[in-house]
Structure formats: C-alpha cells, structure tokens
Amino acid sequence: MDTRIERDSMGDMTVPANAYYGAQTARAVENFPISGLRFSRAFIRALGTIKAACARVNQKLGLLDARLADAIVRAAAEVADGKLDGEFVVDVFQTGSGTSTNMNANEVIANRAQELLGGKRGDKALVHPNDHVNMGQSTNDVFPTAIHVSAYGEVVDALLPALDELAVAFEGRAAAFKDVVKSARTHLQDAVPITLGQEFSGYASVVRHGIARVRAALPHMAELPIGGTAAGTGINAPAGFGEQVAADLAGVTTHPFVAAPNRFEAMQNRDAAVELSGALRTLAVGLMKIANDLRLLTSGSRTGFNEIELPATQPGSSIMPGKVNPVIPEAVNQVAALVIGHDATVAVAAMNGNLDLNVMMPVIAHALLESITVTAAALRVFARRCVVGIHANVERCKEYAELTGQLVTAIAPVVGYDRAAELFKLAMKRNVPIRQVLLEEKVLPVAEIDRILDLHALARGGRASAK
C-alpha cells in the first residue's frame, strides 16, 4: 500500500497515500483497535453539517476569507452527504471526549478542501485541520453538539413518523374489533368481559404516550453546547459564535436549534441525552409488553388462546411442518431489550464526567443513535408486517367471554359477594358457564339473567342491578 508521512504534535505518522484523514486519525486507529464499530451515518452527517456552519460563521465574522471558507464548506458538505464515509475509521471506543473523531472530521475536511483549492492531500499549507476547520471550536463543544443535532434529526425524521404509523395501525385494529367481545385476563386468570377493540385501544395509547414522551425530550436536545469551546467559557471563539452557528444549523436543518443558555451545564452534563434515552426505554418497555400480549393472544392455534391471527410471514420451524411463529413481535422484543440495555449504558456514561466535561461521549452517541435507529425500523416493521394484518377469531373470543367464571362479578351486586363466590365455585366444579349455574340454581328469572349477562353491555361497563 502506498503511504505518505504526515505530522501531528507528537511526531510523524504513516498514512495511506490515498486517505483524506491524517496523522491524528492514523494514530487513533492504532490506539483503539477495539470493536470495529464506527459512528452512524446520522452522526457523521451532523459533524459535516456543524463544520460547514462554523466555516460560514467564521467567514461572516471576517476570520476566514471567502475562498477558504467555501472550500471548507464544500468539503464538509461532502462529509454530510456521505461521500467520504469510508474516511471515518476511528473506533467508537476511544478517548472519552471524542477528540479522535473530531480530528478525523477536521483532517478529512481539510485535505478535501486542500484538493478543491488545487493542493495535495497531506499538505497543510492551504487548509489546516486545527487552525481553519476547527476554528472557534473544541472537541468538547463540537462532539456533544453533534450528538444533539444527529439525535434530534433522527427522532423527527424517522422515529416520530414511525411511532405515528404504529399508533394509527393499532387504532385501526381497535376500531375493527370494537364489537368483538372476549374475556379480559388479570394475573393471567379469567376476568370480566371486555372487547378486543378496547384491548387494542390500550396498545394504541401506549404508542401515543410514547410520542408525547419523546417530544417532551426534544426542547433540551435542541440546546447546543457549540461556542463553549474547551470548558464553557468560549475561549478562542469570537463573541456570538455559538449563537450564530446554532442559528445557521437551525436554518439548514429546519430544526429549532439554539445555543445552550448555560454552556457550563451543556459541557459538564449529558442530561438531555439521558432524558431522551429514558423516553426510548419507557417506549421499549411498553412495546415489549404489547408484543408479548400479541404472542399470547395468537398462541396455539389449537392449544393456546388463539383469539387473534397474526399475518403469516415465514415458516416457523426447520423440523415441524406448517408451523408459523409470531416472528415480528419476537423481533420487536429483541429491539426493546437492546434499547433498555443501551439506556443503562447512556445512564452510566452520563454519570462519568468529572467537573467540567463528560468523558464517555462516544459511547453515548453510539448507544443513543442506535436506539433511535433500530426502534424506528422496528416500529415500521411492526406496523406494516404485523399489526395492520391482525384478524380476530370472533367465535373463539365469544366462547371465552361466555365461559369466564368472572361473569359472576355482574351478579354480585344483586345476590351479594359471598353468594356470588359460591356460584362461581359451583361453575368451576361442574365445569360449566356461570349462566348455566344461575339457571340450574334458579337464582334469578331467565330474563333477568339475560339482562345482567349481556356481554356487550358488560364490556361497556354496564352495571347489574335488580329491577
């Protein structure tokens, strides 16, 4: 492989001749051969977008001449557009501030801008990664700004639309199942009648609450640390730099980014990321419960609940012919498990700042963005390949509704709790519906029994009372 020699503050480094990255990136590649994990497309896009915004502001402030600023902006745009993704070669697990990745971006943009100005890669005479590309910045404010910009964009562009799609899918099924009476189950034991539509309306509400929780975290994610430089004071950044960069980013992305009102807090803590991750964890918990409910409700088909049928998406067994499994809910459960684990990672990482800087930002960026990405994808798959195609086994639901011994609950206000408990025990002993026991024991007139045990009325919360 052809190589070139580049120099950083620690000395010479050998760099691949055709690489846009330079000495500091090459040194980081040697230092951190840990996981093979790289930062996501969203994060690299954010880095490029931020570097372009900083160059534009520096030009506006008279700190970069127009030709140099234009070259940096063009190179940064290529980073943002994904044209140079292969140049981002530093492992996620690296220095806790993310300096290696910030310098990876600075070097790539500087060398590409150098080319655009007619120079050669590795020659810092025209464009310097620190002096020009990183002007007015520090890793300490750029990296957390990139976390916020990338996460905000992924939430708005991918996660929230996917959540809404899933909520609409559940709402559609709830409407379709509004007259399908079944037995509720509490403690996995028979309970009073409800409708399948009511059950599914609860699932839709879980998703709608998830939307509200995620949206509630966005205002804090919109606060950007940029302009704080090394420790929040803004040393080496011109007055108003952070505010102007935030305004530029807001204009480019159409998201309401603002400079953090207190950059010391914005540098010290990653609480906004913790808040958003917590909303994702809460959503994951709800999704896992829903997915497990669907697995129970479709269980069988002959020895389980079999109250609903999920779309058949693939053969379920390599040995049992004809078997079809609830594979989409199972995939959702695995995503939920990952997100819950990532939330623990974000929480622990966010604790690990000392005084004026968090020192586990790369793993926060990786965990948070992966949680957003896989959750959004899982939601779309859940909605499109599972929920919209769910059918009710109406007769099975009705059968269970009539069999549930807890229909006796509707009788209790008429005959008293103790007598109702006796009637329940008789029904269980004889293994017959409670209606049959009421008729055999002549507890009430037939018309009254019919009125009190109207399944649809009971599912609507109807109360039994003596005429």
Protein backbone atom coordinates (compact mmCIF):
# COMPACT_ATOMS: atom_id res chain seq x y z
CA MET A 1 0.00 0.00 0.00
CA ASP A 2 1.33 3.41 -0.93
CA THR A 3 1.76 5.71 2.03
CA ARG A 4 2.63 9.26 2.90
CA ILE A 5 4.08 10.81 6.03
CA GLU A 6 2.04 13.32 7.99
CA ARG A 7 2.97 15.06 11.19
CA ASP A 8 0.98 15.99 14.27
CA SER A 9 2.13 17.43 17.61
CA MET A 10 3.55 14.04 18.64
CA GLY A 11 5.61 13.48 15.51
CA ASP A 12 5.48 11.69 12.18
CA MET A 13 2.82 9.13 11.25
CA THR A 14 2.47 6.91 8.24
CA VAL A 15 -0.86 7.43 6.49
CA PRO A 16 -2.29 5.63 3.42
CA ALA A 17 -1.41 7.79 0.42
CA ASN A 18 -5.00 7.99 -0.83
CA ALA A 19 -6.56 8.71 2.58
CA TYR A 20 -8.19 12.03 3.32
CA TYR A 21 -7.58 11.54 7.03
CA GLY A 22 -4.24 12.44 8.55
CA ALA A 23 -1.81 11.78 11.37
CA GLN A 24 -4.12 12.11 14.37
CA THR A 25 -6.67 9.78 12.82
CA ALA A 26 -3.99 7.23 11.94
CA ARG A 27 -2.68 7.41 15.50
CA ALA A 28 -6.21 6.79 16.84
CA VAL A 29 -6.66 3.79 14.55
CA GLU A 30 -3.52 2.29 16.11
CA ASN A 31 -4.61 3.15 19.65
CA PHE A 32 -8.19 1.85 19.52
CA PRO A 33 -8.48 -1.48 17.65
CA ILE A 34 -11.36 -2.42 19.95
CA SER A 35 -14.76 -3.16 18.42
CA GLY A 36 -14.81 -2.40 14.72
CA LEU A 37 -17.85 -0.22 15.42
CA ARG A 38 -17.97 3.10 13.60
CA PHE A 39 -20.18 6.12 14.14
CA SER A 40 -23.51 6.12 12.35
CA ARG A 41 -24.37 7.92 9.15
CA ALA A 42 -26.50 10.35 11.15
CA PHE A 43 -23.61 11.29 13.40
CA ILE A 44 -21.15 11.81 10.53
CA ARG A 45 -23.80 13.86 8.73
CA ALA A 46 -24.13 16.03 11.83
CA LEU A 47 -20.35 16.52 12.05
CA GLY A 48 -20.18 17.66 8.44
CA THR A 49 -23.17 19.95 8.89
CA ILE A 50 -21.63 21.53 12.00
CA LYS A 51 -18.24 22.08 10.38
CA ALA A 52 -19.87 23.76 7.39
CA ALA A 53 -21.91 26.01 9.69
CA CYS A 54 -18.79 27.00 11.63
CA ALA A 55 -16.95 27.88 8.41
CA ARG A 56 -19.81 30.04 7.21
CA VAL A 57 -19.94 31.89 10.52
CA ASN A 58 -16.16 32.35 10.58
CA GLN A 59 -16.34 33.85 7.09
CA LYS A 60 -19.19 36.15 8.15
CA LEU A 61 -17.09 37.29 11.10
CA GLY A 62 -14.12 38.01 8.82
CA LEU A 63 -11.97 35.23 10.25
CA LEU A 64 -11.83 33.12 7.07
CA ASP A 65 -11.53 34.51 3.58
CA ALA A 66 -14.34 33.60 1.19
CA ARG A 67 -12.28 31.21 -0.96
CA LEU A 68 -11.01 29.21 2.01
CA ALA A 69 -14.40 29.17 3.71
CA ASP A 70 -16.09 28.00 0.50
CA ALA A 71 -13.64 25.11 0.13
CA ILE A 72 -14.22 24.03 3.74
CA VAL A 73 -18.00 24.29 3.34
CA ARG A 74 -17.90 22.22 0.13
CA ALA A 75 -15.71 19.56 1.73
CA ALA A 76 -17.88 19.49 4.85
CA ALA A 77 -20.96 19.11 2.66
CA GLU A 78 -19.40 16.02 1.09
CA VAL A 79 -18.94 14.63 4.59
CA ALA A 80 -22.54 15.44 5.45
CA ASP A 81 -23.77 13.85 2.22
CA GLY A 82 -21.94 10.58 2.90
CA LYS A 83 -19.42 10.85 0.09
CA LEU A 84 -16.48 10.40 2.47
CA ASP A 85 -17.88 7.93 5.00
CA GLY A 86 -15.08 5.48 4.31
CA GLU A 87 -12.62 8.01 5.72
CA PHE A 88 -14.17 7.85 9.20
CA VAL A 89 -12.13 4.96 10.52
CA VAL A 90 -11.86 5.57 14.27
CA ASP A 91 -13.48 3.08 16.63
CA VAL A 92 -16.45 4.17 18.75
CA PHE A 93 -14.48 3.18 21.85
CA GLN A 94 -11.81 5.86 22.06
CA THR A 95 -10.97 8.97 24.03
CA GLY A 96 -13.95 9.94 26.14
CA SER A 97 -14.30 13.42 24.68
CA GLY A 98 -14.43 12.13 21.11
CA THR A 99 -11.31 14.11 20.13
CA SER A 100 -10.16 11.38 17.75
CA THR A 101 -13.39 11.55 15.76
CA ASN A 102 -13.49 15.35 15.77
CA MET A 103 -9.93 15.37 14.42
CA ASN A 104 -10.87 12.66 11.93
CA ALA A 105 -13.51 15.09 10.61
CA ASN A 106 -11.12 18.05 10.71
CA GLU A 107 -8.43 16.18 8.78
CA VAL A 108 -10.78 14.76 6.17
CA ILE A 109 -12.39 18.13 5.53
CA ALA A 110 -9.03 19.93 5.48
CA ASN A 111 -7.46 17.52 2.98
CA ARG A 112 -10.53 17.51 0.75
CA ALA A 113 -10.68 21.32 0.87
CA GLN A 114 -6.96 21.36 0.07
CA GLU A 115 -7.71 19.40 -3.09
CA LEU A 116 -10.58 21.69 -4.03
CA LEU A 117 -8.13 24.60 -3.82
CA GLY A 118 -5.62 22.84 -6.06
CA GLY A 119 -3.36 21.44 -3.35
CA LYS A 120 -2.42 17.89 -2.37
CA ARG A 121 -3.62 15.68 0.45
CA GLY A 122 -1.35 15.90 3.45
CA ASP A 123 -0.14 19.42 2.69
CA LYS A 124 -1.50 21.75 5.36
CA ALA A 125 -0.21 24.92 3.69
CA LEU A 126 -3.62 25.93 2.30
CA VAL A 127 -6.05 24.40 4.80
CA HIS A 128 -5.13 23.38 8.33
CA PRO A 129 -7.38 20.94 10.25
CA ASN A 130 -7.00 22.80 13.55
CA ASP A 131 -6.41 26.40 12.54
CA HIS A 132 -9.07 26.56 9.84
CA VAL A 133 -11.57 23.67 10.00
CA ASN A 134 -11.68 23.66 13.82
CA MET A 135 -11.58 27.46 14.13
CA GLY A 136 -13.57 28.73 17.12
CA GLN A 137 -14.28 25.18 18.25
CA SER A 138 -13.16 22.44 20.59
CA THR A 139 -13.98 18.76 20.57
CA ASN A 140 -15.59 19.47 23.91
CA ASP A 141 -18.36 21.52 22.32
CA VAL A 142 -18.41 20.04 18.81
CA PHE A 143 -18.92 16.43 19.86
CA PRO A 144 -21.93 16.97 22.17
CA THR A 145 -23.38 19.35 19.60
CA ALA A 146 -23.15 16.54 17.06
CA ILE A 147 -24.94 14.20 19.48
CA HIS A 148 -27.79 16.67 19.80
CA VAL A 149 -28.03 17.55 16.11
CA SER A 150 -27.95 13.92 14.96
CA ALA A 151 -30.33 12.58 17.60
CA TYR A 152 -32.82 15.42 17.11
CA GLY A 153 -32.86 14.86 13.37
CA GLU A 154 -33.30 11.09 13.64
CA VAL A 155 -36.14 11.48 16.13
CA VAL A 156 -38.03 13.97 13.98
CA ASP A 157 -37.31 12.41 10.59
CA ALA A 158 -37.54 8.70 11.44
CA LEU A 159 -38.76 7.86 14.95
CA LEU A 160 -41.81 10.09 15.33
CA PRO A 161 -43.28 9.21 11.89
CA ALA A 162 -42.78 5.51 12.66
CA LEU A 163 -44.46 5.90 16.05
CA ASP A 164 -47.41 7.65 14.46
CA GLU A 165 -47.70 4.88 11.85
CA LEU A 166 -47.83 2.23 14.56
CA ALA A 167 -50.36 4.19 16.61
CA VAL A 168 -52.61 4.55 13.55
CA ALA A 169 -52.28 0.81 12.88
CA PHE A 170 -53.39 -0.08 16.40
CA GLU A 171 -56.20 2.47 16.28
CA GLY A 172 -57.40 0.90 13.05
CA ARG A 173 -57.47 -2.56 14.60
CA ALA A 174 -59.20 -1.19 17.71
CA ALA A 175 -61.97 0.20 15.52
CA ALA A 176 -62.24 -3.05 13.58
CA PHE A 177 -62.51 -5.10 16.78
CA LYS A 178 -64.88 -2.79 18.70
CA ASP A 179 -67.71 -5.35 18.80
CA VAL A 180 -65.59 -8.46 19.40
CA VAL A 181 -66.39 -9.45 22.99
CA LYS A 182 -63.86 -11.55 24.87
CA SER A 183 -62.72 -12.30 28.38
CA ALA A 184 -60.24 -9.96 29.99
CA ARG A 185 -57.42 -11.61 31.89
CA THR A 186 -55.78 -10.29 35.03
CA HIS A 187 -52.94 -12.22 36.69
CA LEU A 188 -53.32 -14.45 33.60
CA GLN A 189 -56.63 -15.59 35.10
CA ASP A 190 -60.10 -15.15 33.64
CA ALA A 191 -61.61 -11.76 34.35
CA VAL A 192 -64.65 -9.76 33.27
CA PRO A 193 -65.73 -9.26 29.63
CA ILE A 194 -64.12 -6.59 27.50
CA THR A 195 -63.87 -6.13 23.75
CA LEU A 196 -60.81 -6.88 21.70
CA GLY A 197 -61.13 -3.32 20.45
CA GLN A 198 -60.78 -1.97 23.96
CA GLU A 199 -57.67 -4.08 24.46
CA PHE A 200 -56.13 -2.77 21.23
CA SER A 201 -57.07 0.81 22.10
CA GLY A 202 -54.79 0.41 25.10
CA TYR A 203 -51.94 -0.58 22.81
CA ALA A 204 -52.55 2.47 20.64
CA SER A 205 -52.47 4.66 23.74
CA VAL A 206 -49.11 3.22 24.80
CA VAL A 207 -47.68 4.35 21.48
CA ARG A 208 -49.34 7.79 21.67
CA HIS A 209 -47.88 8.26 25.16
CA GLY A 210 -44.51 7.24 23.74
CA ILE A 211 -44.80 10.00 21.14
CA ALA A 212 -45.55 12.54 23.88
CA ARG A 213 -42.58 11.42 25.98
CA VAL A 214 -40.15 11.58 23.07
CA ARG A 215 -41.45 15.00 22.03
CA ALA A 216 -41.04 16.26 25.58
CA ALA A 217 -37.31 15.49 25.42
CA LEU A 218 -36.72 17.44 22.21
CA PRO A 219 -36.52 21.00 23.59
CA HIS A 220 -33.48 20.08 25.67
CA MET A 221 -31.89 18.25 22.73
CA ALA A 222 -32.30 21.47 20.74
CA GLU A 223 -29.90 23.29 23.11
CA LEU A 224 -26.40 23.12 21.59
CA PRO A 225 -23.10 23.45 23.51
CA ILE A 226 -21.32 24.94 20.49
CA GLY A 227 -19.47 28.13 21.38
CA GLY A 228 -18.38 26.84 24.78
CA THR A 229 -15.06 25.54 23.33
CA ALA A 230 -12.86 23.85 25.95
CA ALA A 231 -14.75 24.31 29.22
CA GLY A 232 -17.75 26.52 28.56
CA THR A 233 -16.02 29.90 28.67
CA GLY A 234 -15.83 30.22 24.90
CA ILE A 235 -12.06 30.77 24.90
CA ASN A 236 -10.71 31.25 21.34
CA ALA A 237 -14.22 31.68 19.95
CA PRO A 238 -15.41 35.15 18.89
CA ALA A 239 -18.32 36.73 20.73
CA GLY A 240 -21.65 35.41 19.47
CA PHE A 241 -20.04 32.49 17.64
CA GLY A 242 -22.18 29.80 19.28
CA GLU A 243 -25.40 31.73 18.76
CA GLN A 244 -24.63 32.28 15.08
CA VAL A 245 -23.64 28.65 14.49
CA ALA A 246 -26.82 27.45 16.21
CA ALA A 247 -28.88 29.81 14.07
CA ASP A 248 -27.11 28.55 10.94
CA LEU A 249 -27.79 24.94 11.91
CA ALA A 250 -31.43 25.77 12.59
CA GLY A 251 -31.73 27.28 9.12
CA VAL A 252 -30.03 24.37 7.36
CA THR A 253 -31.87 21.59 9.21
CA THR A 254 -35.19 23.40 9.87
CA HIS A 255 -34.94 22.22 13.48
CA PRO A 256 -35.19 24.81 16.28
CA PHE A 257 -31.59 24.66 17.48
CA VAL A 258 -30.38 27.35 19.88
CA ALA A 259 -27.17 27.96 21.78
CA ALA A 260 -27.39 26.41 25.23
CA PRO A 261 -28.37 29.11 27.74
CA ASN A 262 -25.72 27.82 30.16
CA ARG A 263 -22.78 26.33 28.32
CA PHE A 264 -21.14 25.15 31.54
CA GLU A 265 -24.07 22.80 32.14
CA ALA A 266 -24.06 21.89 28.46
CA MET A 267 -20.38 20.90 28.65
CA GLN A 268 -20.47 19.20 32.04
CA ASN A 269 -23.55 17.04 31.57
CA ARG A 270 -25.25 14.88 29.01
CA ASP A 271 -28.61 15.03 30.77
CA ALA A 272 -30.55 15.79 27.58
CA ALA A 273 -29.31 12.52 26.10
CA VAL A 274 -30.25 10.71 29.32
CA GLU A 275 -33.75 12.19 29.13
CA LEU A 276 -34.28 11.14 25.52
CA SER A 277 -32.82 7.70 26.18
CA GLY A 278 -35.19 7.34 29.12
CA ALA A 279 -38.15 8.10 26.87
CA LEU A 280 -36.91 5.43 24.46
CA ARG A 281 -36.54 2.96 27.32
CA THR A 282 -40.10 3.64 28.51
CA LEU A 283 -41.34 3.12 24.97
CA ALA A 284 -39.33 -0.10 24.70
CA VAL A 285 -40.89 -1.43 27.90
CA GLY A 286 -44.38 -0.72 26.54
CA LEU A 287 -43.58 -2.27 23.17
CA MET A 288 -42.26 -5.44 24.78
CA LYS A 289 -45.44 -5.79 26.81
CA ILE A 290 -47.58 -5.29 23.69
CA ALA A 291 -45.51 -7.74 21.65
CA ASN A 292 -45.79 -10.35 24.38
CA ASP A 293 -49.55 -9.80 24.58
CA LEU A 294 -49.87 -10.44 20.87
CA ARG A 295 -47.80 -13.59 21.24
CA LEU A 296 -50.17 -14.82 23.95
CA LEU A 297 -53.33 -13.84 22.11
CA THR A 298 -52.22 -15.68 18.96
CA SER A 299 -50.86 -18.69 20.84
CA GLY A 300 -52.00 -22.10 19.75
CA SER A 301 -53.55 -22.43 17.35
CA ARG A 302 -55.23 -25.42 18.95
CA THR A 303 -53.74 -25.46 22.43
CA GLY A 304 -53.47 -21.75 23.20
CA PHE A 305 -55.60 -18.62 23.36
CA ASN A 306 -56.00 -18.34 19.58
CA GLU A 307 -58.07 -15.15 19.90
CA ILE A 308 -56.25 -13.39 17.07
CA GLU A 309 -54.30 -14.38 14.00
CA LEU A 310 -51.11 -12.57 13.04
CA PRO A 311 -50.05 -12.35 9.41
CA ALA A 312 -48.05 -15.42 8.40
CA THR A 313 -44.70 -14.03 7.29
CA GLN A 314 -42.43 -17.09 7.12
CA PRO A 315 -42.23 -20.79 8.03
CA GLY A 316 -41.72 -21.14 11.75
CA SER A 317 -39.73 -24.31 12.10
CA SER A 318 -36.99 -26.24 10.35
CA ILE A 319 -38.41 -29.52 11.70
CA MET A 320 -42.17 -29.02 12.33
CA PRO A 321 -44.02 -28.66 9.01
CA GLY A 322 -46.69 -25.98 8.76
CA LYS A 323 -45.70 -24.21 11.96
CA VAL A 324 -45.91 -20.40 11.84
CA ASN A 325 -44.42 -18.31 14.64
CA PRO A 326 -45.02 -14.71 15.80
CA VAL A 327 -41.67 -13.63 14.41
CA ILE A 328 -42.36 -9.89 14.13
CA PRO A 329 -43.28 -9.47 17.82
CA GLU A 330 -40.20 -11.52 18.69
CA ALA A 331 -38.01 -9.17 16.68
CA VAL A 332 -39.65 -6.18 18.41
CA ASN A 333 -38.87 -7.76 21.78
CA GLN A 334 -35.20 -8.10 20.89
CA VAL A 335 -35.03 -4.46 19.82
CA ALA A 336 -36.69 -3.48 23.09
CA ALA A 337 -34.12 -5.48 25.05
CA LEU A 338 -31.29 -3.73 23.18
CA VAL A 339 -32.78 -0.28 23.83
CA ILE A 340 -33.25 -0.99 27.53
CA GLY A 341 -29.60 -2.08 27.72
CA HIS A 342 -28.45 0.96 25.76
CA ASP A 343 -30.35 3.18 28.18
CA ALA A 344 -28.33 1.70 31.03
CA THR A 345 -25.18 2.41 29.01
CA VAL A 346 -26.22 6.03 28.45
CA ALA A 347 -27.02 6.48 32.13
CA VAL A 348 -23.71 5.07 33.35
CA ALA A 349 -21.79 7.01 30.70
CA ALA A 350 -23.53 10.25 31.60
CA MET A 351 -22.51 9.82 35.24
CA ASN A 352 -18.89 9.71 34.20
CA GLY A 353 -17.98 13.31 33.90
CA ASN A 354 -15.65 14.95 36.33
CA LEU A 355 -16.04 18.65 36.96
CA ASP A 356 -16.26 20.35 33.56
CA LEU A 357 -16.55 17.61 30.94
CA ASN A 358 -18.22 14.27 30.37
CA VAL A 359 -15.64 11.70 29.30
CA MET A 360 -17.82 8.93 27.85
CA MET A 361 -19.46 10.84 25.00
CA PRO A 362 -18.63 8.46 22.13
CA VAL A 363 -20.49 5.55 23.68
CA ILE A 364 -23.41 7.85 24.50
CA ALA A 365 -23.56 8.89 20.85
CA HIS A 366 -23.39 5.30 19.65
CA ALA A 367 -25.94 3.89 22.09
CA LEU A 368 -28.46 6.72 21.76
CA LEU A 369 -28.39 6.84 17.97
CA GLU A 370 -28.56 3.08 17.60
CA SER A 371 -31.56 3.01 19.94
CA ILE A 372 -33.35 5.62 17.84
CA THR A 373 -32.50 3.91 14.56
CA VAL A 374 -33.46 0.35 15.49
CA THR A 375 -36.60 1.48 17.32
CA ALA A 376 -37.82 3.44 14.30
CA ALA A 377 -37.13 0.50 11.99
CA ALA A 378 -38.82 -1.98 14.34
CA LEU A 379 -41.89 0.23 14.64
CA ARG A 380 -42.30 0.38 10.87
CA VAL A 381 -41.93 -3.39 10.53
CA PHE A 382 -44.33 -3.97 13.44
CA ALA A 383 -46.97 -1.73 11.90
CA ARG A 384 -46.66 -2.89 8.29
CA ARG A 385 -45.92 -6.60 8.61
CA CYS A 386 -47.90 -7.42 11.71
CA VAL A 387 -50.43 -5.04 13.24
CA VAL A 388 -52.36 -3.92 10.15
CA GLY A 389 -52.90 -7.56 9.17
CA ILE A 390 -54.16 -8.88 12.51
CA HIS A 391 -57.53 -10.66 12.36
CA ALA A 392 -59.84 -11.58 15.23
CA ASN A 393 -61.05 -15.10 15.82
CA VAL A 394 -64.51 -13.83 16.74
CA GLU A 395 -66.08 -17.11 17.75
CA ARG A 396 -63.17 -18.08 19.97
CA CYS A 397 -63.30 -14.69 21.68
CA LYS A 398 -67.07 -15.05 22.24
CA GLU A 399 -66.62 -18.57 23.57
CA TYR A 400 -64.11 -17.39 26.17
CA ALA A 401 -66.31 -14.44 27.12
CA GLU A 402 -69.21 -16.76 27.87
CA LEU A 403 -67.03 -19.29 29.70
CA THR A 404 -65.28 -16.86 32.03
CA GLY A 405 -66.32 -17.56 35.57
CA GLN A 406 -65.90 -13.90 36.39
CA LEU A 407 -69.22 -13.14 34.74
CA VAL A 408 -70.30 -13.77 38.30
CA THR A 409 -68.94 -10.27 39.05
CA ALA A 410 -72.04 -8.87 37.33
CA ILE A 411 -74.26 -10.94 39.63
CA ALA A 412 -72.57 -9.87 42.86
CA PRO A 413 -74.41 -6.54 43.23
CA VAL A 414 -77.72 -8.47 43.01
CA VAL A 415 -77.05 -11.56 45.15
CA GLY A 416 -74.13 -10.33 47.27
CA TYR A 417 -70.41 -11.07 47.13
CA ASP A 418 -70.49 -14.25 49.25
CA ARG A 419 -73.35 -15.85 47.31
CA ALA A 420 -71.66 -14.87 44.04
CA ALA A 421 -68.46 -16.60 45.21
CA GLU A 422 -70.44 -19.78 45.94
CA LEU A 423 -71.96 -19.67 42.47
CA PHE A 424 -68.51 -19.22 40.94
CA LYS A 425 -67.22 -22.29 42.79
CA LEU A 426 -70.16 -24.32 41.54
CA ALA A 427 -69.49 -23.29 37.97
CA MET A 428 -65.82 -24.25 38.30
CA LYS A 429 -66.68 -27.57 39.98
CA ARG A 430 -69.21 -28.51 37.30
CA ASN A 431 -67.03 -27.01 34.52
CA VAL A 432 -69.98 -25.15 33.03
CA PRO A 433 -70.65 -21.47 32.23
CA ILE A 434 -71.90 -19.31 35.08
CA ARG A 435 -75.14 -18.74 33.15
CA GLN A 436 -75.91 -22.45 33.37
CA VAL A 437 -75.37 -22.47 37.13
CA LEU A 438 -77.67 -19.48 37.55
CA LEU A 439 -80.38 -21.27 35.57
CA GLU A 440 -79.92 -24.60 37.35
CA GLU A 441 -79.92 -22.98 40.80
CA LYS A 442 -82.88 -20.75 39.84
CA VAL A 443 -81.02 -17.75 41.25
CA LEU A 444 -82.89 -15.20 39.10
CA PRO A 445 -85.55 -15.19 36.41
CA VAL A 446 -84.27 -16.04 32.93
CA ALA A 447 -85.00 -12.55 31.58
CA GLU A 448 -83.05 -11.00 34.44
CA ILE A 449 -80.11 -13.33 33.86
CA ASP A 450 -80.12 -12.40 30.18
CA ARG A 451 -80.18 -8.72 31.04
CA ILE A 452 -77.41 -8.90 33.61
CA LEU A 453 -75.14 -11.12 31.50
CA ASP A 454 -75.40 -9.05 28.31
CA LEU A 455 -71.77 -9.35 27.23
CA HIS A 456 -71.66 -6.18 25.18
CA ALA A 457 -73.23 -4.15 27.94
CA LEU A 458 -70.76 -5.57 30.45
CA ALA A 459 -67.82 -4.71 28.17
CA ARG A 460 -69.11 -1.15 28.11
CA GLY A 461 -69.02 -1.06 31.90
CA GLY A 462 -72.70 -1.81 32.40
CA ARG A 463 -73.79 -2.44 35.98
CA ALA A 464 -76.10 -5.20 37.07
CA SER A 465 -78.97 -4.20 39.33
CA ALA A 466 -82.25 -5.69 40.41
CA LYS A 467 -85.38 -4.44 38.67
